[in-house]
Amino acid sequence: MSNYLNEIEAVREGLKGKAEWGAINPEYVVRMRQQNRLPSPWAPGTASSPSRP
């Protein structure tokens, strides 16, 4: 099984028994985690970040 699918299963297990979190889709959690690992071109201090007034 791929790391991506393993992460989805781990999140699914972590959400079990937490009724108030029932609407959270484990795949979306993993996708957001993956996206947050990438550097943003708008991050402060990068060459392409917009200058602030």
C-alpha atoms as a PDB file:
ATOM      1  CA  MET A   1       0.000   0.000   0.000  1.00  0.00           C
ATOM      2  CA  SER A   2       1.283   3.470  -0.799  1.00  0.00           C
ATOM      3  CA  ASN A   3       2.299   5.976   1.847  1.00  0.00           C
ATOM      4  CA  TYR A   4      -0.650   8.146   0.817  1.00  0.00           C
ATOM      5  CA  LEU A   5      -3.131   5.328   1.459  1.00  0.00           C
ATOM      6  CA  ASN A   6      -1.384   4.453   4.726  1.00  0.00           C
ATOM      7  CA  GLU A   7      -1.784   8.041   5.883  1.00  0.00           C
ATOM      8  CA  ILE A   8      -5.488   8.029   4.969  1.00  0.00           C
ATOM      9  CA  GLU A   9      -5.989   4.838   6.977  1.00  0.00           C
ATOM     10  CA  ALA A  10      -4.088   6.298   9.954  1.00  0.00           C
ATOM     11  CA  VAL A  11      -6.303   9.404   9.941  1.00  0.00           C
ATOM     12  CA  ARG A  12      -9.413   7.236   9.607  1.00  0.00           C
ATOM     13  CA  GLU A  13      -8.343   5.249  12.672  1.00  0.00           C
ATOM     14  CA  GLY A  14      -7.605   8.461  14.576  1.00  0.00           C
ATOM     15  CA  LEU A  15     -11.086   9.801  13.852  1.00  0.00           C
ATOM     16  CA  LYS A  16     -12.878   6.649  15.008  1.00  0.00           C
ATOM     17  CA  GLY A  17     -14.882   7.127  18.167  1.00  0.00           C
ATOM     18  CA  LYS A  18     -15.019  10.897  17.787  1.00  0.00           C
ATOM     19  CA  ALA A  19     -18.621  11.502  16.756  1.00  0.00           C
ATOM     20  CA  GLU A  20     -18.216  15.275  16.538  1.00  0.00           C
ATOM     21  CA  TRP A  21     -15.527  14.796  13.860  1.00  0.00           C
ATOM     22  CA  GLY A  22     -17.658  12.444  11.759  1.00  0.00           C
ATOM     23  CA  ALA A  23     -17.943  14.891   8.868  1.00  0.00           C
ATOM     24  CA  ILE A  24     -14.164  15.099   8.388  1.00  0.00           C
ATOM     25  CA  ASN A  25     -13.015  13.202   5.315  1.00  0.00           C
ATOM     26  CA  PRO A  26      -9.673  11.456   6.050  1.00  0.00           C
ATOM     27  CA  GLU A  27      -8.570  11.848   2.429  1.00  0.00           C
ATOM     28  CA  TYR A  28      -9.018  15.620   2.632  1.00  0.00           C
ATOM     29  CA  VAL A  29      -6.913  15.723   5.811  1.00  0.00           C
ATOM     30  CA  VAL A  30      -4.064  13.914   4.070  1.00  0.00           C
ATOM     31  CA  ARG A  31      -4.332  16.133   0.981  1.00  0.00           C
ATOM     32  CA  MET A  32      -4.079  19.270   3.124  1.00  0.00           C
ATOM     33  CA  ARG A  33      -1.077  17.848   4.960  1.00  0.00           C
ATOM     34  CA  GLN A  34       0.610  17.092   1.647  1.00  0.00           C
ATOM     35  CA  GLN A  35      -0.098  20.602   0.344  1.00  0.00           C
ATOM     36  CA  ASN A  36       1.251  22.217   3.483  1.00  0.00           C
ATOM     37  CA  ARG A  37       4.596  20.504   2.951  1.00  0.00           C
ATOM     38  CA  LEU A  38       5.176  22.459  -0.250  1.00  0.00           C
ATOM     39  CA  PRO A  39       6.781  25.888  -0.044  1.00  0.00           C
ATOM     40  CA  SER A  40       4.487  28.714  -0.960  1.00  0.00           C
ATOM     41  CA  PRO A  41       5.609  31.281  -3.518  1.00  0.00           C
ATOM     42  CA  TRP A  42       3.925  33.875  -1.268  1.00  0.00           C
ATOM     43  CA  ALA A  43       5.905  32.954   1.839  1.00  0.00           C
ATOM     44  CA  PRO A  44       7.672  35.889   3.496  1.00  0.00           C
ATOM     45  CA  GLY A  45      11.257  36.295   2.388  1.00  0.00           C
ATOM     46  CA  THR A  46      10.908  34.584  -0.968  1.00  0.00           C
ATOM     47  CA  ALA A  47      11.871  36.375  -4.162  1.00  0.00           C
ATOM     48  CA  SER A  48       8.353  36.258  -5.543  1.00  0.00           C
ATOM     49  CA  SER A  49       6.565  37.452  -2.416  1.00  0.00           C
ATOM     50  CA  PRO A  50       4.761  40.747  -2.961  1.00  0.00           C
ATOM     51  CA  SER A  51       6.144  43.795  -1.244  1.00  0.00           C
ATOM     52  CA  ARG A  52       3.993  45.274   1.467  1.00  0.00           C
ATOM     53  CA  PRO A  53       3.188  48.973   1.622  1.00  0.00           C
END
